[in-house]
Amino acid sequence: MAEQKKWITVAEAAKKSGYSVRTIQLLLKQGKIEGWKPGHDWFTTLEAVMGYKNKVRMGRPKKDQ
């Protein structure tokens, strides 16, 4: 039996991940994280957002000295 995904709102995902609502919406629109838009509002999973967050490197790279 397939595991059911726990869909959460973008606002919930933002609160739990530290990203802004706008950033998560942009990632969803770009297809960088999994999401679902049944009407006006986007839904995603916390696993998708945190997986993306763990994959990307935040901040600027350090300069070579």
PDB file of N, CA and C in Angstrom:
ATOM      1  N   MET A   1       0.845  -1.182   0.000  1.00  0.00           N
ATOM      2  CA  MET A   1       0.000   0.000   0.000  1.00  0.00           C
ATOM      3  C   MET A   1       0.891   1.247   0.000  1.00  0.00           C
ATOM      4  N   ALA A   2       0.583   2.178  -0.860  1.00  0.00           N
ATOM      5  CA  ALA A   2       1.383   3.399  -0.979  1.00  0.00           C
ATOM      6  C   ALA A   2       1.179   4.303   0.234  1.00  0.00           C
ATOM      7  N   GLU A   3       2.261   4.947   0.629  1.00  0.00           N
ATOM      8  CA  GLU A   3       2.210   5.859   1.767  1.00  0.00           C
ATOM      9  C   GLU A   3       1.512   7.153   1.353  1.00  0.00           C
ATOM     10  N   GLN A   4       0.586   7.628   2.183  1.00  0.00           N
ATOM     11  CA  GLN A   4      -0.127   8.873   1.917  1.00  0.00           C
ATOM     12  C   GLN A   4       0.773  10.044   2.295  1.00  0.00           C
ATOM     13  N   LYS A   5       0.792  11.053   1.434  1.00  0.00           N
ATOM     14  CA  LYS A   5       1.594  12.252   1.719  1.00  0.00           C
ATOM     15  C   LYS A   5       0.798  13.181   2.619  1.00  0.00           C
ATOM     16  N   LYS A   6       1.500  13.848   3.518  1.00  0.00           N
ATOM     17  CA  LYS A   6       0.862  14.818   4.412  1.00  0.00           C
ATOM     18  C   LYS A   6       1.018  16.195   3.792  1.00  0.00           C
ATOM     19  N   TRP A   7      -0.016  16.645   3.115  1.00  0.00           N
ATOM     20  CA  TRP A   7       0.006  17.948   2.456  1.00  0.00           C
ATOM     21  C   TRP A   7      -0.232  19.041   3.484  1.00  0.00           C
ATOM     22  N   ILE A   8       0.579  20.094   3.405  1.00  0.00           N
ATOM     23  CA  ILE A   8       0.424  21.251   4.294  1.00  0.00           C
ATOM     24  C   ILE A   8       0.372  22.512   3.439  1.00  0.00           C
ATOM     25  N   THR A   9      -0.158  23.573   4.024  1.00  0.00           N
ATOM     26  CA  THR A   9      -0.228  24.837   3.294  1.00  0.00           C
ATOM     27  C   THR A   9       1.164  25.449   3.188  1.00  0.00           C
ATOM     28  N   VAL A  10       1.296  26.379   2.270  1.00  0.00           N
ATOM     29  CA  VAL A  10       2.565  27.084   2.102  1.00  0.00           C
ATOM     30  C   VAL A  10       2.901  27.862   3.376  1.00  0.00           C
ATOM     31  N   ALA A  11       1.893  28.424   4.023  1.00  0.00           N
ATOM     32  CA  ALA A  11       2.128  29.166   5.269  1.00  0.00           C
ATOM     33  C   ALA A  11       2.695  28.250   6.349  1.00  0.00           C
ATOM     34  N   GLU A  12       2.154  27.040   6.467  1.00  0.00           N
ATOM     35  CA  GLU A  12       2.679  26.082   7.449  1.00  0.00           C
ATOM     36  C   GLU A  12       4.115  25.686   7.105  1.00  0.00           C
ATOM     37  N   ALA A  13       4.362  25.435   5.831  1.00  0.00           N
ATOM     38  CA  ALA A  13       5.700  25.050   5.384  1.00  0.00           C
ATOM     39  C   ALA A  13       6.698  26.169   5.661  1.00  0.00           C
ATOM     40  N   ALA A  14       6.283  27.417   5.447  1.00  0.00           N
ATOM     41  CA  ALA A  14       7.160  28.557   5.699  1.00  0.00           C
ATOM     42  C   ALA A  14       7.497  28.656   7.185  1.00  0.00           C
ATOM     43  N   LYS A  15       6.498  28.493   8.010  1.00  0.00           N
ATOM     44  CA  LYS A  15       6.695  28.596   9.460  1.00  0.00           C
ATOM     45  C   LYS A  15       7.658  27.518   9.969  1.00  0.00           C
ATOM     46  N   LYS A  16       7.520  26.308   9.437  1.00  0.00           N
ATOM     47  CA  LYS A  16       8.332  25.190   9.910  1.00  0.00           C
ATOM     48  C   LYS A  16       9.729  25.148   9.294  1.00  0.00           C
ATOM     49  N   SER A  17       9.894  25.726   8.105  1.00  0.00           N
ATOM     50  CA  SER A  17      11.177  25.627   7.404  1.00  0.00           C
ATOM     51  C   SER A  17      12.073  26.852   7.558  1.00  0.00           C
ATOM     52  N   GLY A  18      11.471  28.004   7.863  1.00  0.00           N
ATOM     53  CA  GLY A  18      12.253  29.234   7.948  1.00  0.00           C
ATOM     54  C   GLY A  18      12.277  30.013   6.644  1.00  0.00           C
ATOM     55  N   TYR A  19      11.757  29.433   5.571  1.00  0.00           N
ATOM     56  CA  TYR A  19      11.623  30.150   4.305  1.00  0.00           C
ATOM     57  C   TYR A  19      10.412  31.073   4.380  1.00  0.00           C
ATOM     58  N   SER A  20      10.391  32.074   3.507  1.00  0.00           N
ATOM     59  CA  SER A  20       9.213  32.934   3.425  1.00  0.00           C
ATOM     60  C   SER A  20       8.153  32.241   2.569  1.00  0.00           C
ATOM     61  N   VAL A  21       6.915  32.670   2.730  1.00  0.00           N
ATOM     62  CA  VAL A  21       5.821  32.147   1.919  1.00  0.00           C
ATOM     63  C   VAL A  21       6.121  32.380   0.447  1.00  0.00           C
ATOM     64  N   ARG A  22       6.604  33.556   0.105  1.00  0.00           N
ATOM     65  CA  ARG A  22       6.903  33.899  -1.290  1.00  0.00           C
ATOM     66  C   ARG A  22       7.982  32.997  -1.875  1.00  0.00           C
ATOM     67  N   THR A  23       9.003  32.679  -1.091  1.00  0.00           N
ATOM     68  CA  THR A  23      10.067  31.800  -1.569  1.00  0.00           C
ATOM     69  C   THR A  23       9.517  30.409  -1.882  1.00  0.00           C
ATOM     70  N   ILE A  24       8.697  29.874  -1.003  1.00  0.00           N
ATOM     71  CA  ILE A  24       8.124  28.548  -1.234  1.00  0.00           C
ATOM     72  C   ILE A  24       7.209  28.569  -2.454  1.00  0.00           C
ATOM     73  N   GLN A  25       6.415  29.623  -2.607  1.00  0.00           N
ATOM     74  CA  GLN A  25       5.562  29.730  -3.794  1.00  0.00           C
ATOM     75  C   GLN A  25       6.398  29.760  -5.069  1.00  0.00           C
ATOM     76  N   LEU A  26       7.496  30.466  -5.043  1.00  0.00           N
ATOM     77  CA  LEU A  26       8.380  30.546  -6.205  1.00  0.00           C
ATOM     78  C   LEU A  26       8.994  29.182  -6.516  1.00  0.00           C
ATOM     79  N   LEU A  27       9.441  28.470  -5.491  1.00  0.00           N
ATOM     80  CA  LEU A  27      10.010  27.138  -5.689  1.00  0.00           C
ATOM     81  C   LEU A  27       8.973  26.179  -6.274  1.00  0.00           C
ATOM     82  N   LEU A  28       7.733  26.308  -5.830  1.00  0.00           N
ATOM     83  CA  LEU A  28       6.658  25.479  -6.366  1.00  0.00           C
ATOM     84  C   LEU A  28       6.399  25.800  -7.836  1.00  0.00           C
ATOM     85  N   LYS A  29       6.318  27.076  -8.159  1.00  0.00           N
ATOM     86  CA  LYS A  29       6.060  27.493  -9.540  1.00  0.00           C
ATOM     87  C   LYS A  29       7.186  27.061 -10.472  1.00  0.00           C
ATOM     88  N   GLN A  30       8.414  27.052  -9.969  1.00  0.00           N
ATOM     89  CA  GLN A  30       9.569  26.652 -10.771  1.00  0.00           C
ATOM     90  C   GLN A  30       9.727  25.135 -10.832  1.00  0.00           C
ATOM     91  N   GLY A  31       8.934  24.408 -10.075  1.00  0.00           N
ATOM     92  CA  GLY A  31       9.009  22.955 -10.069  1.00  0.00           C
ATOM     93  C   GLY A  31      10.181  22.406  -9.290  1.00  0.00           C
ATOM     94  N   LYS A  32      10.757  23.210  -8.417  1.00  0.00           N
ATOM     95  CA  LYS A  32      11.929  22.779  -7.649  1.00  0.00           C
ATOM     96  C   LYS A  32      11.541  21.952  -6.429  1.00  0.00           C
ATOM     97  N   ILE A  33      10.301  22.120  -5.963  1.00  0.00           N
ATOM     98  CA  ILE A  33       9.776  21.272  -4.893  1.00  0.00           C
ATOM     99  C   ILE A  33       8.405  20.768  -5.324  1.00  0.00           C
ATOM    100  N   GLU A  34       8.031  19.628  -4.766  1.00  0.00           N
ATOM    101  CA  GLU A  34       6.758  19.012  -5.102  1.00  0.00           C
ATOM    102  C   GLU A  34       5.615  19.801  -4.485  1.00  0.00           C
ATOM    103  N   GLY A  35       4.554  19.974  -5.238  1.00  0.00           N
ATOM    104  CA  GLY A  35       3.404  20.682  -4.726  1.00  0.00           C
ATOM    105  C   GLY A  35       2.147  20.364  -5.503  1.00  0.00           C
ATOM    106  N   TRP A  36       1.063  20.916  -5.024  1.00  0.00           N
ATOM    107  CA  TRP A  36      -0.257  20.650  -5.574  1.00  0.00           C
ATOM    108  C   TRP A  36      -1.088  21.906  -5.413  1.00  0.00           C
ATOM    109  N   LYS A  37      -1.781  22.318  -6.444  1.00  0.00           N
ATOM    110  CA  LYS A  37      -2.591  23.534  -6.396  1.00  0.00           C
ATOM    111  C   LYS A  37      -4.007  23.202  -6.865  1.00  0.00           C
ATOM    112  N   PRO A  38      -4.866  22.795  -5.922  1.00  0.00           N
ATOM    113  CA  PRO A  38      -6.226  22.400  -6.302  1.00  0.00           C
ATOM    114  C   PRO A  38      -7.126  23.574  -6.688  1.00  0.00           C
ATOM    115  N   GLY A  39      -6.751  24.755  -6.283  1.00  0.00           N
ATOM    116  CA  GLY A  39      -7.547  25.946  -6.576  1.00  0.00           C
ATOM    117  C   GLY A  39      -6.639  27.156  -6.536  1.00  0.00           C
ATOM    118  N   HIS A  40      -6.901  28.016  -5.592  1.00  0.00           N
ATOM    119  CA  HIS A  40      -6.120  29.244  -5.450  1.00  0.00           C
ATOM    120  C   HIS A  40      -4.824  29.027  -4.669  1.00  0.00           C
ATOM    121  N   ASP A  41      -4.849  28.138  -3.697  1.00  0.00           N
ATOM    122  CA  ASP A  41      -3.722  27.964  -2.774  1.00  0.00           C
ATOM    123  C   ASP A  41      -2.872  26.749  -3.116  1.00  0.00           C
ATOM    124  N   TRP A  42      -1.567  26.890  -2.885  1.00  0.00           N
ATOM    125  CA  TRP A  42      -0.615  25.799  -3.069  1.00  0.00           C
ATOM    126  C   TRP A  42      -0.546  24.959  -1.806  1.00  0.00           C
ATOM    127  N   PHE A  43      -0.266  23.667  -1.990  1.00  0.00           N
ATOM    128  CA  PHE A  43       0.027  22.748  -0.906  1.00  0.00           C
ATOM    129  C   PHE A  43       1.326  22.034  -1.251  1.00  0.00           C
ATOM    130  N   THR A  44       2.089  21.685  -0.230  1.00  0.00           N
ATOM    131  CA  THR A  44       3.344  20.959  -0.411  1.00  0.00           C
ATOM    132  C   THR A  44       3.517  20.038   0.784  1.00  0.00           C
ATOM    133  N   THR A  45       4.632  19.361   0.839  1.00  0.00           N
ATOM    134  CA  THR A  45       4.942  18.538   2.008  1.00  0.00           C
ATOM    135  C   THR A  45       6.161  19.126   2.697  1.00  0.00           C
ATOM    136  N   LEU A  46       6.232  18.943   3.990  1.00  0.00           N
ATOM    137  CA  LEU A  46       7.387  19.426   4.741  1.00  0.00           C
ATOM    138  C   LEU A  46       8.644  18.690   4.273  1.00  0.00           C
ATOM    139  N   GLU A  47       8.493  17.428   3.912  1.00  0.00           N
ATOM    140  CA  GLU A  47       9.628  16.648   3.425  1.00  0.00           C
ATOM    141  C   GLU A  47      10.205  17.256   2.151  1.00  0.00           C
ATOM    142  N   ALA A  48       9.338  17.723   1.252  1.00  0.00           N
ATOM    143  CA  ALA A  48       9.801  18.323  -0.004  1.00  0.00           C
ATOM    144  C   ALA A  48      10.577  19.609   0.267  1.00  0.00           C
ATOM    145  N   VAL A  49      10.049  20.441   1.149  1.00  0.00           N
ATOM    146  CA  VAL A  49      10.691  21.724   1.453  1.00  0.00           C
ATOM    147  C   VAL A  49      12.020  21.508   2.164  1.00  0.00           C
ATOM    148  N   MET A  50      12.031  20.636   3.169  1.00  0.00           N
ATOM    149  CA  MET A  50      13.262  20.402   3.923  1.00  0.00           C
ATOM    150  C   MET A  50      14.291  19.662   3.078  1.00  0.00           C
ATOM    151  N   GLY A  51      13.840  18.804   2.191  1.00  0.00           N
ATOM    152  CA  GLY A  51      14.763  18.137   1.276  1.00  0.00           C
ATOM    153  C   GLY A  51      15.456  19.136   0.379  1.00  0.00           C
ATOM    154  N   TYR A  52      14.707  20.110  -0.120  1.00  0.00           N
ATOM    155  CA  TYR A  52      15.294  21.160  -0.951  1.00  0.00           C
ATOM    156  C   TYR A  52      16.254  22.008  -0.122  1.00  0.00           C
ATOM    157  N   LYS A  53      15.832  22.358   1.070  1.00  0.00           N
ATOM    158  CA  LYS A  53      16.658  23.212   1.930  1.00  0.00           C
ATOM    159  C   LYS A  53      17.983  22.533   2.259  1.00  0.00           C
ATOM    160  N   ASN A  54      17.956  21.240   2.487  1.00  0.00           N
ATOM    161  CA  ASN A  54      19.187  20.504   2.797  1.00  0.00           C
ATOM    162  C   ASN A  54      20.075  20.352   1.573  1.00  0.00           C
ATOM    163  N   LYS A  55      19.479  20.402   0.381  1.00  0.00           N
ATOM    164  CA  LYS A  55      20.224  20.211  -0.859  1.00  0.00           C
ATOM    165  C   LYS A  55      20.957  21.479  -1.305  1.00  0.00           C
ATOM    166  N   VAL A  56      20.350  22.633  -1.085  1.00  0.00           N
ATOM    167  CA  VAL A  56      20.961  23.878  -1.559  1.00  0.00           C
ATOM    168  C   VAL A  56      21.895  24.461  -0.506  1.00  0.00           C
ATOM    169  N   ARG A  57      22.827  25.233  -0.975  1.00  0.00           N
ATOM    170  CA  ARG A  57      23.786  25.872  -0.082  1.00  0.00           C
ATOM    171  C   ARG A  57      23.381  27.319   0.090  1.00  0.00           C
ATOM    172  N   MET A  58      23.193  27.745   1.308  1.00  0.00           N
ATOM    173  CA  MET A  58      22.753  29.102   1.570  1.00  0.00           C
ATOM    174  C   MET A  58      23.939  30.051   1.679  1.00  0.00           C
ATOM    175  N   GLY A  59      23.717  31.276   1.261  1.00  0.00           N
ATOM    176  CA  GLY A  59      24.736  32.302   1.387  1.00  0.00           C
ATOM    177  C   GLY A  59      25.707  32.308   0.222  1.00  0.00           C
ATOM    178  N   ARG A  60      26.590  33.242   0.264  1.00  0.00           N
ATOM    179  CA  ARG A  60      27.609  33.378  -0.775  1.00  0.00           C
ATOM    180  C   ARG A  60      28.778  32.459  -0.499  1.00  0.00           C
ATOM    181  N   PRO A  61      29.385  31.964  -1.560  1.00  0.00           N
ATOM    182  CA  PRO A  61      30.599  31.148  -1.347  1.00  0.00           C
ATOM    183  C   PRO A  61      31.730  32.009  -0.791  1.00  0.00           C
ATOM    184  N   LYS A  62      32.603  31.406  -0.023  1.00  0.00           N
ATOM    185  CA  LYS A  62      33.741  32.134   0.531  1.00  0.00           C
ATOM    186  C   LYS A  62      34.742  32.443  -0.581  1.00  0.00           C
ATOM    187  N   LYS A  63      35.343  33.613  -0.487  1.00  0.00           N
ATOM    188  CA  LYS A  63      36.348  34.013  -1.460  1.00  0.00           C
ATOM    189  C   LYS A  63      37.663  33.343  -1.136  1.00  0.00           C
ATOM    190  N   ASP A  64      38.410  32.987  -2.180  1.00  0.00           N
ATOM    191  CA  ASP A  64      39.758  32.440  -1.991  1.00  0.00           C
ATOM    192  C   ASP A  64      40.692  33.577  -1.577  1.00  0.00           C
ATOM    193  N   GLN A  65      41.565  33.307  -0.635  1.00  0.00           N
ATOM    194  CA  GLN A  65      42.453  34.358  -0.160  1.00  0.00           C
ATOM    195  C   GLN A  65      43.837  34.199  -0.694  1.00  0.00           C
TER     196      GLN A  65
END
